[in-house]
Structures are given as C-alpha cells and as structure tokens.
C-alpha atoms as a PDB file:
ATOM      1  CA  UNK A   1      19.647  18.360  67.797  1.00  0.00           C
ATOM      2  CA  UNK A   2      19.619  16.433  64.540  1.00  0.00           C
ATOM      3  CA  UNK A   3      21.484  13.150  64.742  1.00  0.00           C
ATOM      4  CA  UNK A   4      24.422  12.878  62.377  1.00  0.00           C
ATOM      5  CA  UNK A   5      24.065  10.027  59.859  1.00  0.00           C
ATOM      6  CA  UNK A   6      26.390   7.068  60.272  1.00  0.00           C
ATOM      7  CA  UNK A   7      29.009   6.327  57.631  1.00  0.00           C
ATOM      8  CA  UNK A   8      26.699   3.645  56.205  1.00  0.00           C
ATOM      9  CA  UNK A   9      23.807   6.099  55.890  1.00  0.00           C
ATOM     10  CA  UNK A  10      26.061   8.620  54.200  1.00  0.00           C
ATOM     11  CA  UNK A  11      26.788   6.009  51.572  1.00  0.00           C
ATOM     12  CA  UNK A  12      23.047   5.438  51.123  1.00  0.00           C
ATOM     13  CA  UNK A  13      22.326   9.120  50.504  1.00  0.00           C
ATOM     14  CA  UNK A  14      23.766   8.679  47.020  1.00  0.00           C
ATOM     15  CA  UNK A  15      22.177   6.229  44.583  1.00  0.00           C
ATOM     16  CA  UNK A  16      25.452   5.585  42.805  1.00  0.00           C
ATOM     17  CA  UNK A  17      28.642   4.641  44.621  1.00  0.00           C
ATOM     18  CA  UNK A  18      32.139   4.687  43.254  1.00  0.00           C
ATOM     19  CA  UNK A  19      33.963   1.345  43.146  1.00  0.00           C
ATOM     20  CA  UNK A  20      36.054   2.465  46.121  1.00  0.00           C
ATOM     21  CA  UNK A  21      32.967   3.414  48.157  1.00  0.00           C
ATOM     22  CA  UNK A  22      31.309   0.116  47.253  1.00  0.00           C
ATOM     23  CA  UNK A  23      34.374  -1.861  48.356  1.00  0.00           C
ATOM     24  CA  UNK A  24      34.526   0.133  51.601  1.00  0.00           C
ATOM     25  CA  UNK A  25      30.862  -0.587  52.327  1.00  0.00           C
ATOM     26  CA  UNK A  26      31.315  -4.297  51.564  1.00  0.00           C
ATOM     27  CA  UNK A  27      34.381  -4.421  53.811  1.00  0.00           C
ATOM     28  CA  UNK A  28      32.545  -2.625  56.628  1.00  0.00           C
ATOM     29  CA  UNK A  29      29.635  -5.068  56.323  1.00  0.00           C
ATOM     30  CA  UNK A  30      31.980  -8.055  56.610  1.00  0.00           C
ATOM     31  CA  UNK A  31      33.591  -6.518  59.695  1.00  0.00           C
ATOM     32  CA  UNK A  32      30.209  -5.971  61.349  1.00  0.00           C
ATOM     33  CA  UNK A  33      29.213  -9.584  60.670  1.00  0.00           C
ATOM     34  CA  UNK A  34      32.530 -10.792  62.069  1.00  0.00           C
ATOM     35  CA  UNK A  35      31.909  -8.803  65.263  1.00  0.00           C
ATOM     36  CA  UNK A  36      28.702 -10.751  65.895  1.00  0.00           C
ATOM     37  CA  UNK A  37      30.689 -13.569  67.479  1.00  0.00           C
ATOM     38  CA  UNK A  38      31.961 -11.123  70.088  1.00  0.00           C
ATOM     39  CA  UNK A  39      28.455 -10.422  71.390  1.00  0.00           C
ATOM     40  CA  UNK A  40      27.798 -11.833  74.899  1.00  0.00           C
ATOM     41  CA  UNK A  41      24.246 -12.863  73.968  1.00  0.00           C
ATOM     42  CA  UNK A  42      24.091 -16.356  72.347  1.00  0.00           C
ATOM     43  CA  UNK A  43      20.397 -16.061  71.419  1.00  0.00           C
ATOM     44  CA  UNK A  44      20.996 -12.728  69.688  1.00  0.00           C
ATOM     45  CA  UNK A  45      23.880 -14.224  67.694  1.00  0.00           C
ATOM     46  CA  UNK A  46      21.772 -17.225  66.659  1.00  0.00           C
ATOM     47  CA  UNK A  47      18.869 -15.023  65.591  1.00  0.00           C
ATOM     48  CA  UNK A  48      21.093 -12.651  63.603  1.00  0.00           C
ATOM     49  CA  UNK A  49      22.861 -15.553  61.875  1.00  0.00           C
ATOM     50  CA  UNK A  50      19.483 -17.055  60.968  1.00  0.00           C
ATOM     51  CA  UNK A  51      18.381 -13.666  59.640  1.00  0.00           C
ATOM     52  CA  UNK A  52      21.522 -13.452  57.473  1.00  0.00           C
ATOM     53  CA  UNK A  53      20.915 -16.953  56.160  1.00  0.00           C
ATOM     54  CA  UNK A  54      17.337 -16.032  55.231  1.00  0.00           C
ATOM     55  CA  UNK A  55      18.580 -12.940  53.404  1.00  0.00           C
ATOM     56  CA  UNK A  56      21.119 -15.131  51.613  1.00  0.00           C
ATOM     57  CA  UNK A  57      18.458 -17.577  50.404  1.00  0.00           C
ATOM     58  CA  UNK A  58      16.126 -14.777  49.270  1.00  0.00           C
ATOM     59  CA  UNK A  59      18.897 -12.998  47.374  1.00  0.00           C
ATOM     60  CA  UNK A  60      20.303 -16.214  45.887  1.00  0.00           C
ATOM     61  CA  UNK A  61      16.915 -17.274  44.515  1.00  0.00           C
ATOM     62  CA  UNK A  62      16.064 -13.875  43.013  1.00  0.00           C
ATOM     63  CA  UNK A  63      19.532 -13.272  41.559  1.00  0.00           C
ATOM     64  CA  UNK A  64      19.700 -16.767  40.068  1.00  0.00           C
ATOM     65  CA  UNK A  65      16.384 -16.239  38.282  1.00  0.00           C
ATOM     66  CA  UNK A  66      17.498 -12.797  37.101  1.00  0.00           C
ATOM     67  CA  UNK A  67      20.861 -14.077  35.890  1.00  0.00           C
ATOM     68  CA  UNK A  68      19.262 -16.908  33.903  1.00  0.00           C
ATOM     69  CA  UNK A  69      16.855 -14.494  32.223  1.00  0.00           C
ATOM     70  CA  UNK A  70      19.706 -12.158  31.285  1.00  0.00           C
ATOM     71  CA  UNK A  71      21.928 -14.921  29.908  1.00  0.00           C
ATOM     72  CA  UNK A  72      19.099 -16.516  27.919  1.00  0.00           C
ATOM     73  CA  UNK A  73      17.755 -13.286  26.416  1.00  0.00           C
ATOM     74  CA  UNK A  74      20.804 -10.987  26.430  1.00  0.00           C
ATOM     75  CA  UNK A  75      23.926 -13.207  26.499  1.00  0.00           C
ATOM     76  CA  UNK A  76      26.155 -10.332  25.370  1.00  0.00           C
ATOM     77  CA  UNK A  77      25.498  -8.595  28.706  1.00  0.00           C
ATOM     78  CA  UNK A  78      27.504 -11.183  30.659  1.00  0.00           C
ATOM     79  CA  UNK A  79      30.809  -9.611  29.615  1.00  0.00           C
ATOM     80  CA  UNK A  80      29.558  -6.188  30.731  1.00  0.00           C
ATOM     81  CA  UNK A  81      28.385  -7.547  34.061  1.00  0.00           C
ATOM     82  CA  UNK A  82      31.700  -9.283  34.678  1.00  0.00           C
ATOM     83  CA  UNK A  83      33.589  -6.043  34.032  1.00  0.00           C
ATOM     84  CA  UNK A  84      31.490  -4.057  36.532  1.00  0.00           C
ATOM     85  CA  UNK A  85      33.155  -4.390  39.950  1.00  0.00           C
ATOM     86  CA  UNK A  86      29.970  -4.111  42.042  1.00  0.00           C
ATOM     87  CA  UNK A  87      27.884  -6.418  39.836  1.00  0.00           C
ATOM     88  CA  UNK A  88      30.728  -8.904  39.542  1.00  0.00           C
ATOM     89  CA  UNK A  89      31.130  -9.056  43.333  1.00  0.00           C
ATOM     90  CA  UNK A  90      27.414  -9.598  43.932  1.00  0.00           C
ATOM     91  CA  UNK A  91      26.905 -12.238  41.235  1.00  0.00           C
ATOM     92  CA  UNK A  92      30.153 -14.011  42.145  1.00  0.00           C
ATOM     93  CA  UNK A  93      28.991 -14.366  45.762  1.00  0.00           C
ATOM     94  CA  UNK A  94      26.266 -16.661  44.460  1.00  0.00           C
ATOM     95  CA  UNK A  95      28.493 -18.531  41.984  1.00  0.00           C
ATOM     96  CA  UNK A  96      26.609 -17.178  38.980  1.00  0.00           C
ATOM     97  CA  UNK A  97      29.729 -16.503  36.955  1.00  0.00           C
ATOM     98  CA  UNK A  98      32.160 -19.145  35.838  1.00  0.00           C
ATOM     99  CA  UNK A  99      34.556 -20.918  38.145  1.00  0.00           C
ATOM    100  CA  UNK A 100      37.925 -19.278  38.760  1.00  0.00           C
ATOM    101  CA  UNK A 101      39.533 -22.446  37.352  1.00  0.00           C
ATOM    102  CA  UNK A 102      38.973 -22.860  33.626  1.00  0.00           C
ATOM    103  CA  UNK A 103      40.641 -26.175  32.849  1.00  0.00           C
ATOM    104  CA  UNK A 104      38.555 -28.066  30.249  1.00  0.00           C
ATOM    105  CA  UNK A 105      36.731 -31.034  31.742  1.00  0.00           C
ATOM    106  CA  UNK A 106      35.601 -34.165  29.951  1.00  0.00           C
ATOM    107  CA  UNK A 107      32.998 -36.571  31.328  1.00  0.00           C
ATOM    108  CA  UNK A 108      31.945 -40.070  30.478  1.00  0.00           C
ATOM    109  CA  UNK A 109      28.396 -40.206  29.156  1.00  0.00           C
ATOM    110  CA  UNK A 110      27.423 -42.876  31.656  1.00  0.00           C
ATOM    111  CA  UNK A 111      27.856 -41.702  35.242  1.00  0.00           C
ATOM    112  CA  UNK A 112      25.016 -43.680  36.836  1.00  0.00           C
ATOM    113  CA  UNK A 113      24.544 -47.386  37.318  1.00  0.00           C
ATOM    114  CA  UNK A 114      21.395 -49.213  36.297  1.00  0.00           C
ATOM    115  CA  UNK A 115      20.011 -48.865  39.809  1.00  0.00           C
ATOM    116  CA  UNK A 116      20.521 -45.091  39.758  1.00  0.00           C
ATOM    117  CA  UNK A 117      23.648 -45.212  41.924  1.00  0.00           C
ATOM    118  CA  UNK A 118      26.317 -42.690  40.961  1.00  0.00           C
ATOM    119  CA  UNK A 119      29.721 -44.102  40.096  1.00  0.00           C
ATOM    120  CA  UNK A 120      32.827 -42.647  41.793  1.00  0.00           C
ATOM    121  CA  UNK A 121      34.311 -39.932  39.623  1.00  0.00           C
ATOM    122  CA  UNK A 122      37.708 -38.220  39.634  1.00  0.00           C
ATOM    123  CA  UNK A 123      37.140 -34.739  38.248  1.00  0.00           C
ATOM    124  CA  UNK A 124      40.074 -32.689  36.858  1.00  0.00           C
ATOM    125  CA  UNK A 125      39.653 -29.080  37.994  1.00  0.00           C
ATOM    126  CA  UNK A 126      42.946 -27.296  37.324  1.00  0.00           C
ATOM    127  CA  UNK A 127      46.695 -27.396  37.859  1.00  0.00           C
ATOM    128  CA  UNK A 128      48.377 -26.887  41.204  1.00  0.00           C
ATOM    129  CA  UNK A 129      51.211 -24.943  39.579  1.00  0.00           C
ATOM    130  CA  UNK A 130      48.716 -22.239  38.539  1.00  0.00           C
ATOM    131  CA  UNK A 131      47.232 -21.742  42.007  1.00  0.00           C
ATOM    132  CA  UNK A 132      48.408 -18.975  44.321  1.00  0.00           C
ATOM    133  CA  UNK A 133      49.382 -19.780  47.895  1.00  0.00           C
ATOM    134  CA  UNK A 134      46.737 -19.038  50.570  1.00  0.00           C
ATOM    135  CA  UNK A 135      44.065 -18.505  47.933  1.00  0.00           C
ATOM    136  CA  UNK A 136      40.632 -20.097  47.427  1.00  0.00           C
ATOM    137  CA  UNK A 137      39.167 -20.793  43.990  1.00  0.00           C
ATOM    138  CA  UNK A 138      35.508 -21.501  43.280  1.00  0.00           C
ATOM    139  CA  UNK A 139      34.436 -24.519  41.247  1.00  0.00           C
ATOM    140  CA  UNK A 140      30.874 -25.560  40.419  1.00  0.00           C
ATOM    141  CA  UNK A 141      30.181 -28.800  38.579  1.00  0.00           C
ATOM    142  CA  UNK A 142      28.316 -32.098  38.857  1.00  0.00           C
ATOM    143  CA  UNK A 143      25.866 -30.425  41.223  1.00  0.00           C
ATOM    144  CA  UNK A 144      28.660 -29.582  43.674  1.00  0.00           C
ATOM    145  CA  UNK A 145      29.767 -26.144  44.893  1.00  0.00           C
ATOM    146  CA  UNK A 146      33.424 -26.441  45.890  1.00  0.00           C
ATOM    147  CA  UNK A 147      36.343 -24.316  47.042  1.00  0.00           C
ATOM    148  CA  UNK A 148      39.813 -25.361  45.919  1.00  0.00           C
ATOM    149  CA  UNK A 149      42.288 -24.049  48.507  1.00  0.00           C
ATOM    150  CA  UNK A 150      46.070 -23.998  48.402  1.00  0.00           C
ATOM    151  CA  UNK A 151      47.976 -23.421  51.630  1.00  0.00           C
ATOM    152  CA  UNK A 152      51.443 -24.425  52.796  1.00  0.00           C
ATOM    153  CA  UNK A 153      51.980 -26.191  49.474  1.00  0.00           C
ATOM    154  CA  UNK A 154      48.955 -28.466  49.968  1.00  0.00           C
ATOM    155  CA  UNK A 155      45.738 -28.459  47.917  1.00  0.00           C
ATOM    156  CA  UNK A 156      42.400 -29.019  49.663  1.00  0.00           C
ATOM    157  CA  UNK A 157      38.828 -29.184  48.370  1.00  0.00           C
ATOM    158  CA  UNK A 158      35.882 -28.270  50.641  1.00  0.00           C
ATOM    159  CA  UNK A 159      32.210 -27.485  50.168  1.00  0.00           C
ATOM    160  CA  UNK A 160      31.651 -23.785  49.579  1.00  0.00           C
ATOM    161  CA  UNK A 161      29.358 -23.145  52.545  1.00  0.00           C
ATOM    162  CA  UNK A 162      30.013 -22.336  56.189  1.00  0.00           C
ATOM    163  CA  UNK A 163      29.071 -25.336  58.325  1.00  0.00           C
ATOM    164  CA  UNK A 164      25.459 -26.355  57.701  1.00  0.00           C
ATOM    165  CA  UNK A 165      24.476 -22.872  56.484  1.00  0.00           C
ATOM    166  CA  UNK A 166      24.062 -21.595  52.925  1.00  0.00           C
ATOM    167  CA  UNK A 167      26.561 -18.774  53.483  1.00  0.00           C
ATOM    168  CA  UNK A 168      29.324 -19.064  50.851  1.00  0.00           C
ATOM    169  CA  UNK A 169      32.959 -19.156  51.914  1.00  0.00           C
ATOM    170  CA  UNK A 170      34.502 -17.553  48.836  1.00  0.00           C
ATOM    171  CA  UNK A 171      35.983 -14.323  50.062  1.00  0.00           C
ATOM    172  CA  UNK A 172      37.498 -16.236  52.992  1.00  0.00           C
ATOM    173  CA  UNK A 173      41.005 -15.668  54.304  1.00  0.00           C
ATOM    174  CA  UNK A 174      43.479 -18.563  54.373  1.00  0.00           C
ATOM    175  CA  UNK A 175      46.384 -18.559  56.786  1.00  0.00           C
ATOM    176  CA  UNK A 176      48.847 -21.357  57.576  1.00  0.00           C
ATOM    177  CA  UNK A 177      46.478 -24.185  56.713  1.00  0.00           C
ATOM    178  CA  UNK A 178      43.380 -22.581  58.212  1.00  0.00           C
ATOM    179  CA  UNK A 179      40.309 -21.155  56.451  1.00  0.00           C
ATOM    180  CA  UNK A 180      38.589 -18.168  58.077  1.00  0.00           C
ATOM    181  CA  UNK A 181      34.900 -17.623  57.289  1.00  0.00           C
ATOM    182  CA  UNK A 182      34.206 -14.145  55.821  1.00  0.00           C
ATOM    183  CA  UNK A 183      30.796 -13.956  57.553  1.00  0.00           C
ATOM    184  CA  UNK A 184      31.510 -14.459  61.227  1.00  0.00           C
ATOM    185  CA  UNK A 185      35.180 -15.332  61.496  1.00  0.00           C
ATOM    186  CA  UNK A 186      34.930 -19.003  62.465  1.00  0.00           C
ATOM    187  CA  UNK A 187      38.151 -20.904  61.727  1.00  0.00           C
ATOM    188  CA  UNK A 188      38.396 -24.303  60.007  1.00  0.00           C
ATOM    189  CA  UNK A 189      41.428 -26.574  59.673  1.00  0.00           C
ATOM    190  CA  UNK A 190      41.874 -27.410  56.006  1.00  0.00           C
ATOM    191  CA  UNK A 191      43.598 -30.698  56.842  1.00  0.00           C
ATOM    192  CA  UNK A 192      40.401 -32.263  58.210  1.00  0.00           C
ATOM    193  CA  UNK A 193      37.727 -29.541  57.852  1.00  0.00           C
ATOM    194  CA  UNK A 194      37.109 -29.287  61.612  1.00  0.00           C
ATOM    195  CA  UNK A 195      36.097 -25.984  63.214  1.00  0.00           C
ATOM    196  CA  UNK A 196      38.715 -24.943  65.755  1.00  0.00           C
ATOM    197  CA  UNK A 197      36.264 -23.736  68.409  1.00  0.00           C
ATOM    198  CA  UNK A 198      33.646 -26.429  67.857  1.00  0.00           C
ATOM    199  CA  UNK A 199      34.917 -29.884  66.773  1.00  0.00           C
ATOM    200  CA  UNK A 200      31.296 -30.927  66.284  1.00  0.00           C
ATOM    201  CA  UNK A 201      31.097 -28.732  63.196  1.00  0.00           C
ATOM    202  CA  UNK A 202      33.149 -29.236  60.079  1.00  0.00           C
ATOM    203  CA  UNK A 203      33.374 -28.481  56.372  1.00  0.00           C
ATOM    204  CA  UNK A 204      32.674 -31.283  53.941  1.00  0.00           C
ATOM    205  CA  UNK A 205      35.979 -32.329  52.391  1.00  0.00           C
ATOM    206  CA  UNK A 206      36.533 -33.955  49.008  1.00  0.00           C
ATOM    207  CA  UNK A 207      39.363 -36.401  48.218  1.00  0.00           C
ATOM    208  CA  UNK A 208      42.138 -34.744  46.187  1.00  0.00           C
ATOM    209  CA  UNK A 209      44.883 -36.293  44.052  1.00  0.00           C
ATOM    210  CA  UNK A 210      47.578 -34.499  42.063  1.00  0.00           C
ATOM    211  CA  UNK A 211      49.113 -36.065  38.948  1.00  0.00           C
ATOM    212  CA  UNK A 212      52.796 -35.808  38.091  1.00  0.00           C
ATOM    213  CA  UNK A 213      52.076 -32.880  35.746  1.00  0.00           C
ATOM    214  CA  UNK A 214      50.272 -31.008  38.559  1.00  0.00           C
ATOM    215  CA  UNK A 215      46.717 -31.768  37.433  1.00  0.00           C
ATOM    216  CA  UNK A 216      44.313 -31.589  40.396  1.00  0.00           C
ATOM    217  CA  UNK A 217      41.529 -34.154  40.550  1.00  0.00           C
ATOM    218  CA  UNK A 218      38.631 -34.091  43.036  1.00  0.00           C
ATOM    219  CA  UNK A 219      36.864 -37.302  44.042  1.00  0.00           C
ATOM    220  CA  UNK A 220      33.066 -37.209  43.848  1.00  0.00           C
ATOM    221  CA  UNK A 221      30.444 -39.761  44.927  1.00  0.00           C
ATOM    222  CA  UNK A 222      32.901 -41.405  47.333  1.00  0.00           C
END
C-alpha cells in the first residue's frame, strides 16, 4: 500500500505556495521545533539544535551575500521583495531589511578613543508611545542586533539571539514580562534576561532610558 504523503510533503508537491499555505508551513515548522524540548532524549535535542544552528548560519551567509548583490545592482527590487510576504518573512528573519523602528539617528563622528577604546554611547531608537504592548521590534546598528520589547508598560532591550546561539528571537511571543523563544519555547524574564528553566543562561541586556517626551535610548559600550 502506498504511504500517504504528510501535510508537509503535500505542500512540497507544488512549487508555488499561496501566502496562506506558506504561513501555515512556517507555523507548523515553528511548532515542530518547539516540540523538540518535549523529547526525552537530551542528546537528540542537543544534536537537533546544533543542526538547526548550522542551517541558520548557512542560510544567513548565503542570503546576506544575495541580498547585498541585489541591493547594489538592482536597488529598485527591495520594495518588491518587501511587499512579497514569503520573501519578506525570510529576509526579515536574518535582519536584512530595515529595523521596525525608523526614528532618525545621529552619531558623533568620534566614537573611539585614541587607544581604540569605544566610548559609552546612548543611542536613540524610537519612542515608547509608538510601541505596541507585548511586541518586539528589531533594531540593527553600531554592530549590534537588538530587540526592543515592550511589556507591562516597561521597555527592555536584549540581544536578538537565543542564549549563545545564532537563532534570532524576532517572531517571539511576549507575555506578562516574559519572552518566549520562537525556536524551542524557552522562556526568558525581560527584567533581568534570565532563562526561567536554566538560570545559568540569559539574554544579553542593554541599559535603557526614556526621556520625558518618550524617546527611548539604548546604552552601548557600557
């Protein structure tokens, strides 16, 4: 008897997916990754997570090179790519489009001391009044890849990667001051960055100040 194809294989039988089918496949993939932590085999989980990280690095490198070539040679294509749901999702996962926060930023020309040491820098990244509750916003600047998160009226800034891995956290869920990784469901406290189930692991946090007008500033090199 011929084995019936799984729902994933049915998707793969067609070269082109509708936006709805693509979103369903992406959602199913996230659910399968989340279920990894429920496996009773620690070595299997470690190996699969390492495999996912390797895939992430391979895809990030290739897509970054591709994106740079497109933008340099065909800059008008960026608008088209951003309007395509599937392409936008893929490129956004690797922070290849602009940040979700578009506040203009001005820098001093001199940001290094004579000995090469970086000076502390307070970087304006947006306005708290424009941020939605329980939402994460990507920001990339000054060589940093950051998530700006608003939850329970507080604004937090953390590195956009799960623990020590290269897996990005944009696409995470935020609930009552906690950030939930979209890859394997680990939970971090936004107040201090600590992982709930493993205090030895934490997200890098950045100092945050908010001016009277609501301007958010992130502290770098501190």
